[in-house]
PDB file of all heavy atoms in Angstrom:
ATOM      1  N   PRO A   1       0.804  -1.234  -0.002  1.00  0.00           N
ATOM      2  CA  PRO A   1       0.002  -0.001   0.004  1.00  0.00           C
ATOM      3  C   PRO A   1       0.837   1.271  -0.001  1.00  0.00           C
ATOM      4  O   PRO A   1       0.476   2.248  -0.669  1.00  0.00           O
ATOM      5  CB  PRO A   1      -0.831  -0.126   1.280  1.00  0.00           C
ATOM      6  CG  PRO A   1      -0.950  -1.596   1.514  1.00  0.00           C
ATOM      7  CD  PRO A   1       0.380  -2.143   1.091  1.00  0.00           C
ATOM      8  N   THR A   2       1.941   1.292   0.742  1.00  0.00           N
ATOM      9  CA  THR A   2       2.791   2.483   0.768  1.00  0.00           C
ATOM     10  C   THR A   2       3.431   2.711  -0.601  1.00  0.00           C
ATOM     11  O   THR A   2       3.471   3.849  -1.096  1.00  0.00           O
ATOM     12  CB  THR A   2       3.893   2.345   1.837  1.00  0.00           C
ATOM     13  OG1 THR A   2       3.264   2.211   3.118  1.00  0.00           O
ATOM     14  CG2 THR A   2       4.812   3.558   1.844  1.00  0.00           C
ATOM     15  N   LEU A   3       3.929   1.644  -1.215  1.00  0.00           N
ATOM     16  CA  LEU A   3       4.514   1.773  -2.547  1.00  0.00           C
ATOM     17  C   LEU A   3       3.454   2.184  -3.550  1.00  0.00           C
ATOM     18  O   LEU A   3       3.725   3.030  -4.435  1.00  0.00           O
ATOM     19  CB  LEU A   3       5.169   0.460  -2.976  1.00  0.00           C
ATOM     20  CG  LEU A   3       5.856   0.462  -4.345  1.00  0.00           C
ATOM     21  CD1 LEU A   3       6.938   1.530  -4.416  1.00  0.00           C
ATOM     22  CD2 LEU A   3       6.440  -0.914  -4.658  1.00  0.00           C
ATOM     23  N   ALA A   4       2.253   1.647  -3.429  1.00  0.00           N
ATOM     24  CA  ALA A   4       1.170   2.014  -4.341  1.00  0.00           C
ATOM     25  C   ALA A   4       0.806   3.488  -4.197  1.00  0.00           C
ATOM     26  O   ALA A   4       0.476   4.157  -5.190  1.00  0.00           O
ATOM     27  CB  ALA A   4      -0.057   1.143  -4.074  1.00  0.00           C
ATOM     28  N   TRP A   5       0.853   4.018  -2.974  1.00  0.00           N
ATOM     29  CA  TRP A   5       0.583   5.452  -2.762  1.00  0.00           C
ATOM     30  C   TRP A   5       1.630   6.313  -3.469  1.00  0.00           C
ATOM     31  O   TRP A   5       1.296   7.295  -4.129  1.00  0.00           O
ATOM     32  CB  TRP A   5       0.593   5.766  -1.264  1.00  0.00           C
ATOM     33  CG  TRP A   5       0.772   7.214  -0.966  1.00  0.00           C
ATOM     34  CD1 TRP A   5      -0.059   8.246  -1.323  1.00  0.00           C
ATOM     35  CD2 TRP A   5       1.875   7.824  -0.277  1.00  0.00           C
ATOM     36  NE1 TRP A   5       0.466   9.453  -0.882  1.00  0.00           N
ATOM     37  CE2 TRP A   5       1.642   9.217  -0.250  1.00  0.00           C
ATOM     38  CE3 TRP A   5       3.026   7.306   0.317  1.00  0.00           C
ATOM     39  CZ2 TRP A   5       2.527  10.106   0.369  1.00  0.00           C
ATOM     40  CZ3 TRP A   5       3.915   8.199   0.928  1.00  0.00           C
ATOM     41  CH2 TRP A   5       3.657   9.553   0.944  1.00  0.00           C
ATOM     42  N   ILE A   6       2.909   5.927  -3.387  1.00  0.00           N
ATOM     43  CA  ILE A   6       3.980   6.671  -4.056  1.00  0.00           C
ATOM     44  C   ILE A   6       3.780   6.639  -5.564  1.00  0.00           C
ATOM     45  O   ILE A   6       3.827   7.668  -6.244  1.00  0.00           O
ATOM     46  CB  ILE A   6       5.355   6.103  -3.686  1.00  0.00           C
ATOM     47  CG1 ILE A   6       5.602   6.281  -2.185  1.00  0.00           C
ATOM     48  CG2 ILE A   6       6.465   6.765  -4.501  1.00  0.00           C
ATOM     49  CD1 ILE A   6       6.816   5.525  -1.672  1.00  0.00           C
ATOM     50  N   VAL A   7       3.529   5.442  -6.091  1.00  0.00           N
ATOM     51  CA  VAL A   7       3.310   5.291  -7.541  1.00  0.00           C
ATOM     52  C   VAL A   7       2.075   6.071  -7.975  1.00  0.00           C
ATOM     53  O   VAL A   7       2.071   6.767  -8.989  1.00  0.00           O
ATOM     54  CB  VAL A   7       3.187   3.814  -7.918  1.00  0.00           C
ATOM     55  CG1 VAL A   7       2.792   3.664  -9.386  1.00  0.00           C
ATOM     56  CG2 VAL A   7       4.507   3.080  -7.644  1.00  0.00           C
ATOM     57  N   GLY A   8       0.998   5.960  -7.196  1.00  0.00           N
ATOM     58  CA  GLY A   8      -0.240   6.652  -7.523  1.00  0.00           C
ATOM     59  C   GLY A   8      -0.070   8.162  -7.505  1.00  0.00           C
ATOM     60  O   GLY A   8      -0.636   8.873  -8.347  1.00  0.00           O
ATOM     61  N   THR A   9       0.724   8.666  -6.570  1.00  0.00           N
ATOM     62  CA  THR A   9       0.998  10.102  -6.498  1.00  0.00           C
ATOM     63  C   THR A   9       1.702  10.567  -7.751  1.00  0.00           C
ATOM     64  O   THR A   9       1.349  11.607  -8.333  1.00  0.00           O
ATOM     65  CB  THR A   9       1.847  10.416  -5.253  1.00  0.00           C
ATOM     66  OG1 THR A   9       1.100  10.094  -4.072  1.00  0.00           O
ATOM     67  CG2 THR A   9       2.245  11.876  -5.223  1.00  0.00           C
ATOM     68  N   VAL A  10       2.703   9.818  -8.193  1.00  0.00           N
ATOM     69  CA  VAL A  10       3.468  10.203  -9.394  1.00  0.00           C
ATOM     70  C   VAL A  10       2.582  10.128 -10.627  1.00  0.00           C
ATOM     71  O   VAL A  10       2.590  11.048 -11.464  1.00  0.00           O
ATOM     72  CB  VAL A  10       4.700   9.309  -9.562  1.00  0.00           C
ATOM     73  CG1 VAL A  10       5.418   9.607 -10.879  1.00  0.00           C
ATOM     74  CG2 VAL A  10       5.659   9.495  -8.393  1.00  0.00           C
ATOM     75  N   VAL A  11       1.814   9.056 -10.761  1.00  0.00           N
ATOM     76  CA  VAL A  11       0.956   8.890 -11.942  1.00  0.00           C
ATOM     77  C   VAL A  11      -0.095   9.983 -11.985  1.00  0.00           C
ATOM     78  O   VAL A  11      -0.345  10.588 -13.048  1.00  0.00           O
ATOM     79  CB  VAL A  11       0.306   7.495 -11.942  1.00  0.00           C
ATOM     80  CG1 VAL A  11      -0.760   7.393 -13.035  1.00  0.00           C
ATOM     81  CG2 VAL A  11       1.361   6.418 -12.134  1.00  0.00           C
ATOM     82  N   LEU A  12      -0.733  10.249 -10.855  1.00  0.00           N
ATOM     83  CA  LEU A  12      -1.772  11.276 -10.815  1.00  0.00           C
ATOM     84  C   LEU A  12      -1.190  12.657 -11.116  1.00  0.00           C
ATOM     85  O   LEU A  12      -1.788  13.438 -11.876  1.00  0.00           O
ATOM     86  CB  LEU A  12      -2.438  11.276  -9.430  1.00  0.00           C
ATOM     87  CG  LEU A  12      -3.629  12.218  -9.245  1.00  0.00           C
ATOM     88  CD1 LEU A  12      -4.738  11.874 -10.225  1.00  0.00           C
ATOM     89  CD2 LEU A  12      -4.144  12.135  -7.814  1.00  0.00           C
ATOM     90  N   SER A  13      -0.027  12.936 -10.561  1.00  0.00           N
ATOM     91  CA  SER A  13       0.636  14.210 -10.815  1.00  0.00           C
ATOM     92  C   SER A  13       0.998  14.349 -12.301  1.00  0.00           C
ATOM     93  O   SER A  13       0.827  15.412 -12.897  1.00  0.00           O
ATOM     94  CB  SER A  13       1.890  14.333  -9.955  1.00  0.00           C
ATOM     95  OG  SER A  13       2.615  15.515 -10.255  1.00  0.00           O
ATOM     96  N   ASP A  14       1.479  13.260 -12.883  1.00  0.00           N
ATOM     97  CA  ASP A  14       1.874  13.284 -14.287  1.00  0.00           C
ATOM     98  C   ASP A  14       0.667  13.468 -15.205  1.00  0.00           C
ATOM     99  O   ASP A  14       0.688  14.258 -16.151  1.00  0.00           O
ATOM    100  CB  ASP A  14       2.620  11.992 -14.629  1.00  0.00           C
ATOM    101  CG  ASP A  14       3.133  11.992 -16.059  1.00  0.00           C
ATOM    102  OD1 ASP A  14       3.844  12.928 -16.439  1.00  0.00           O
ATOM    103  OD2 ASP A  14       2.809  11.049 -16.815  1.00  0.00           O
ATOM    104  N   VAL A  15      -0.410  12.722 -14.923  1.00  0.00           N
ATOM    105  CA  VAL A  15      -1.615  12.791 -15.769  1.00  0.00           C
ATOM    106  C   VAL A  15      -2.253  14.185 -15.690  1.00  0.00           C
ATOM    107  O   VAL A  15      -2.596  14.789 -16.713  1.00  0.00           O
ATOM    108  CB  VAL A  15      -2.623  11.712 -15.360  1.00  0.00           C
ATOM    109  CG1 VAL A  15      -3.964  11.932 -16.042  1.00  0.00           C
ATOM    110  CG2 VAL A  15      -2.074  10.327 -15.718  1.00  0.00           C
ATOM    111  N   LEU A  16      -2.417  14.687 -14.457  1.00  0.00           N
ATOM    112  CA  LEU A  16      -3.008  16.014 -14.292  1.00  0.00           C
ATOM    113  C   LEU A  16      -2.115  17.092 -14.896  1.00  0.00           C
ATOM    114  O   LEU A  16      -2.605  18.040 -15.531  1.00  0.00           O
ATOM    115  CB  LEU A  16      -3.241  16.308 -12.823  1.00  0.00           C
ATOM    116  CG  LEU A  16      -4.379  15.527 -12.159  1.00  0.00           C
ATOM    117  CD1 LEU A  16      -4.418  15.816 -10.665  1.00  0.00           C
ATOM    118  CD2 LEU A  16      -5.720  15.860 -12.802  1.00  0.00           C
ATOM    119  N   GLY A  17      -0.813  16.947 -14.725  1.00  0.00           N
ATOM    120  CA  GLY A  17       0.112  17.915 -15.295  1.00  0.00           C
ATOM    121  C   GLY A  17       0.022  17.936 -16.822  1.00  0.00           C
ATOM    122  O   GLY A  17       0.073  19.004 -17.444  1.00  0.00           O
ATOM    123  N   TYR A  18      -0.135  16.763 -17.417  1.00  0.00           N
ATOM    124  CA  TYR A  18      -0.227  16.677 -18.877  1.00  0.00           C
ATOM    125  C   TYR A  18      -1.504  17.310 -19.398  1.00  0.00           C
ATOM    126  O   TYR A  18      -1.476  18.190 -20.269  1.00  0.00           O
ATOM    127  CB  TYR A  18      -0.146  15.209 -19.311  1.00  0.00           C
ATOM    128  CG  TYR A  18      -0.308  14.996 -20.800  1.00  0.00           C
ATOM    129  CD1 TYR A  18       0.740  15.217 -21.667  1.00  0.00           C
ATOM    130  CD2 TYR A  18      -1.526  14.597 -21.329  1.00  0.00           C
ATOM    131  CE1 TYR A  18       0.590  15.020 -23.041  1.00  0.00           C
ATOM    132  CE2 TYR A  18      -1.697  14.409 -22.691  1.00  0.00           C
ATOM    133  CZ  TYR A  18      -0.623  14.616 -23.544  1.00  0.00           C
ATOM    134  OH  TYR A  18      -0.791  14.432 -24.890  1.00  0.00           O
ATOM    135  N   PHE A  19      -2.647  16.898 -18.854  1.00  0.00           N
ATOM    136  CA  PHE A  19      -3.928  17.357 -19.380  1.00  0.00           C
ATOM    137  C   PHE A  19      -4.212  18.812 -18.999  1.00  0.00           C
ATOM    138  O   PHE A  19      -4.627  19.615 -19.857  1.00  0.00           O
ATOM    139  CB  PHE A  19      -5.055  16.462 -18.906  1.00  0.00           C
ATOM    140  CG  PHE A  19      -5.133  15.157 -19.652  1.00  0.00           C
ATOM    141  CD1 PHE A  19      -4.645  13.989 -19.079  1.00  0.00           C
ATOM    142  CD2 PHE A  19      -5.665  15.083 -20.926  1.00  0.00           C
ATOM    143  CE1 PHE A  19      -4.698  12.791 -19.755  1.00  0.00           C
ATOM    144  CE2 PHE A  19      -5.732  13.892 -21.615  1.00  0.00           C
ATOM    145  CZ  PHE A  19      -5.245  12.735 -21.042  1.00  0.00           C
ATOM    146  N   ILE A  20      -3.998  19.165 -17.743  1.00  0.00           N
ATOM    147  CA  ILE A  20      -4.260  20.529 -17.323  1.00  0.00           C
ATOM    148  C   ILE A  20      -3.272  21.490 -17.986  1.00  0.00           C
ATOM    149  O   ILE A  20      -3.651  22.598 -18.422  1.00  0.00           O
ATOM    150  CB  ILE A  20      -4.187  20.668 -15.790  1.00  0.00           C
ATOM    151  CG1 ILE A  20      -5.221  19.742 -15.119  1.00  0.00           C
ATOM    152  CG2 ILE A  20      -4.407  22.112 -15.368  1.00  0.00           C
ATOM    153  CD1 ILE A  20      -6.658  20.059 -15.500  1.00  0.00           C
ATOM    154  N   GLY A  21      -2.016  21.068 -18.069  1.00  0.00           N
ATOM    155  CA  GLY A  21      -1.008  21.912 -18.705  1.00  0.00           C
ATOM    156  C   GLY A  21      -1.319  22.137 -20.180  1.00  0.00           C
ATOM    157  O   GLY A  21      -1.189  23.255 -20.689  1.00  0.00           O
ATOM    158  N   ARG A  22      -1.767  21.079 -20.883  1.00  0.00           N
ATOM    159  CA  ARG A  22      -2.130  21.229 -22.302  1.00  0.00           C
ATOM    160  C   ARG A  22      -3.392  22.061 -22.465  1.00  0.00           C
ATOM    161  O   ARG A  22      -3.529  22.822 -23.433  1.00  0.00           O
ATOM    162  CB  ARG A  22      -2.343  19.837 -22.927  1.00  0.00           C
ATOM    163  CG  ARG A  22      -1.076  19.013 -23.088  1.00  0.00           C
ATOM    164  CD  ARG A  22      -0.168  19.605 -24.158  1.00  0.00           C
ATOM    165  NE  ARG A  22       1.020  18.783 -24.367  1.00  0.00           N
ATOM    166  CZ  ARG A  22       1.114  17.863 -25.302  1.00  0.00           C
ATOM    167  NH1 ARG A  22       0.089  17.593 -26.099  1.00  0.00           N
ATOM    168  NH2 ARG A  22       2.226  17.162 -25.442  1.00  0.00           N
ATOM    169  N   LYS A  23      -4.330  21.912 -21.548  1.00  0.00           N
ATOM    170  CA  LYS A  23      -5.609  22.601 -21.664  1.00  0.00           C
ATOM    171  C   LYS A  23      -5.486  24.078 -21.308  1.00  0.00           C
ATOM    172  O   LYS A  23      -5.985  24.961 -22.043  1.00  0.00           O
ATOM    173  CB  LYS A  23      -6.637  21.945 -20.731  1.00  0.00           C
ATOM    174  CG  LYS A  23      -8.038  22.533 -20.822  1.00  0.00           C
ATOM    175  CD  LYS A  23      -8.682  22.290 -22.166  1.00  0.00           C
ATOM    176  CE  LYS A  23     -10.121  22.770 -22.195  1.00  0.00           C
ATOM    177  NZ  LYS A  23     -10.742  22.551 -23.516  1.00  0.00           N
ATOM    178  N   LEU A  24      -4.851  24.387 -20.184  1.00  0.00           N
ATOM    179  CA  LEU A  24      -4.795  25.774 -19.710  1.00  0.00           C
ATOM    180  C   LEU A  24      -3.580  26.536 -20.235  1.00  0.00           C
ATOM    181  O   LEU A  24      -3.648  27.742 -20.443  1.00  0.00           O
ATOM    182  CB  LEU A  24      -4.794  25.796 -18.174  1.00  0.00           C
ATOM    183  CG  LEU A  24      -6.043  25.222 -17.496  1.00  0.00           C
ATOM    184  CD1 LEU A  24      -5.908  25.371 -15.978  1.00  0.00           C
ATOM    185  CD2 LEU A  24      -7.315  25.882 -17.987  1.00  0.00           C
ATOM    186  N   GLY A  25      -2.479  25.800 -20.428  1.00  0.00           N
ATOM    187  CA  GLY A  25      -1.268  26.484 -20.890  1.00  0.00           C
ATOM    188  C   GLY A  25      -0.776  27.475 -19.847  1.00  0.00           C
ATOM    189  O   GLY A  25      -0.803  27.220 -18.653  1.00  0.00           O
ATOM    190  N   GLY A  26      -0.351  28.635 -20.315  1.00  0.00           N
ATOM    191  CA  GLY A  26       0.103  29.677 -19.388  1.00  0.00           C
ATOM    192  C   GLY A  26       1.614  29.717 -19.258  1.00  0.00           C
ATOM    193  O   GLY A  26       2.350  29.106 -20.058  1.00  0.00           O
ATOM    194  N   PRO A  27       2.107  30.424 -18.243  1.00  0.00           N
ATOM    195  CA  PRO A  27       3.561  30.586 -18.069  1.00  0.00           C
ATOM    196  C   PRO A  27       4.268  29.241 -17.906  1.00  0.00           C
ATOM    197  O   PRO A  27       3.732  28.302 -17.316  1.00  0.00           O
ATOM    198  CB  PRO A  27       3.664  31.418 -16.767  1.00  0.00           C
ATOM    199  CG  PRO A  27       2.335  32.074 -16.638  1.00  0.00           C
ATOM    200  CD  PRO A  27       1.330  31.131 -17.222  1.00  0.00           C
ATOM    201  N   ARG A  28       5.485  29.187 -18.429  1.00  0.00           N
ATOM    202  CA  ARG A  28       6.283  27.970 -18.342  1.00  0.00           C
ATOM    203  C   ARG A  28       6.950  27.866 -16.987  1.00  0.00           C
ATOM    204  O   ARG A  28       7.393  28.867 -16.418  1.00  0.00           O
ATOM    205  CB  ARG A  28       7.333  27.936 -19.455  1.00  0.00           C
ATOM    206  CG  ARG A  28       6.771  28.118 -20.852  1.00  0.00           C
ATOM    207  CD  ARG A  28       5.792  27.026 -21.190  1.00  0.00           C
ATOM    208  NE  ARG A  28       5.146  27.255 -22.479  1.00  0.00           N
ATOM    209  CZ  ARG A  28       4.256  26.436 -23.022  1.00  0.00           C
ATOM    210  NH1 ARG A  28       3.879  25.354 -22.365  1.00  0.00           N
ATOM    211  NH2 ARG A  28       3.713  26.704 -24.181  1.00  0.00           N
ATOM    212  N   PHE A  29       7.042  26.650 -16.481  1.00  0.00           N
ATOM    213  CA  PHE A  29       7.618  26.423 -15.165  1.00  0.00           C
ATOM    214  C   PHE A  29       9.136  26.663 -15.180  1.00  0.00           C
ATOM    215  O   PHE A  29       9.683  27.329 -14.301  1.00  0.00           O
ATOM    216  CB  PHE A  29       7.319  24.992 -14.701  1.00  0.00           C
ATOM    217  CG  PHE A  29       7.882  24.662 -13.354  1.00  0.00           C
ATOM    218  CD1 PHE A  29       7.304  25.168 -12.216  1.00  0.00           C
ATOM    219  CD2 PHE A  29       8.988  23.831 -13.228  1.00  0.00           C
ATOM    220  CE1 PHE A  29       7.828  24.866 -10.939  1.00  0.00           C
ATOM    221  CE2 PHE A  29       9.518  23.522 -11.975  1.00  0.00           C
ATOM    222  CZ  PHE A  29       8.928  24.036 -10.837  1.00  0.00           C
ATOM    223  N   TRP A  30       9.818  26.115 -16.189  1.00  0.00           N
ATOM    224  CA  TRP A  30      11.256  26.290 -16.302  1.00  0.00           C
ATOM    225  C   TRP A  30      11.596  26.199 -17.783  1.00  0.00           C
ATOM    226  O   TRP A  30      12.110  25.204 -18.261  1.00  0.00           O
ATOM    227  CB  TRP A  30      12.002  25.195 -15.531  1.00  0.00           C
ATOM    228  CG  TRP A  30      13.388  25.546 -15.149  1.00  0.00           C
ATOM    229  CD1 TRP A  30      14.249  26.393 -15.783  1.00  0.00           C
ATOM    230  CD2 TRP A  30      14.122  25.035 -14.012  1.00  0.00           C
ATOM    231  NE1 TRP A  30      15.456  26.472 -15.142  1.00  0.00           N
ATOM    232  CE2 TRP A  30      15.414  25.631 -14.044  1.00  0.00           C
ATOM    233  CE3 TRP A  30      13.820  24.142 -13.010  1.00  0.00           C
ATOM    234  CZ2 TRP A  30      16.390  25.348 -13.099  1.00  0.00           C
ATOM    235  CZ3 TRP A  30      14.801  23.842 -12.068  1.00  0.00           C
ATOM    236  CH2 TRP A  30      16.059  24.450 -12.097  1.00  0.00           C
TER     237      TRP A  30
END
């Protein structure tokens, strides 16, 4: 469960970053 939480955090962050970043755009992080 702890490992699944870490993996889930990364996957969720990556998916949201991809879709929200593509949808909203805006200033670049780096």
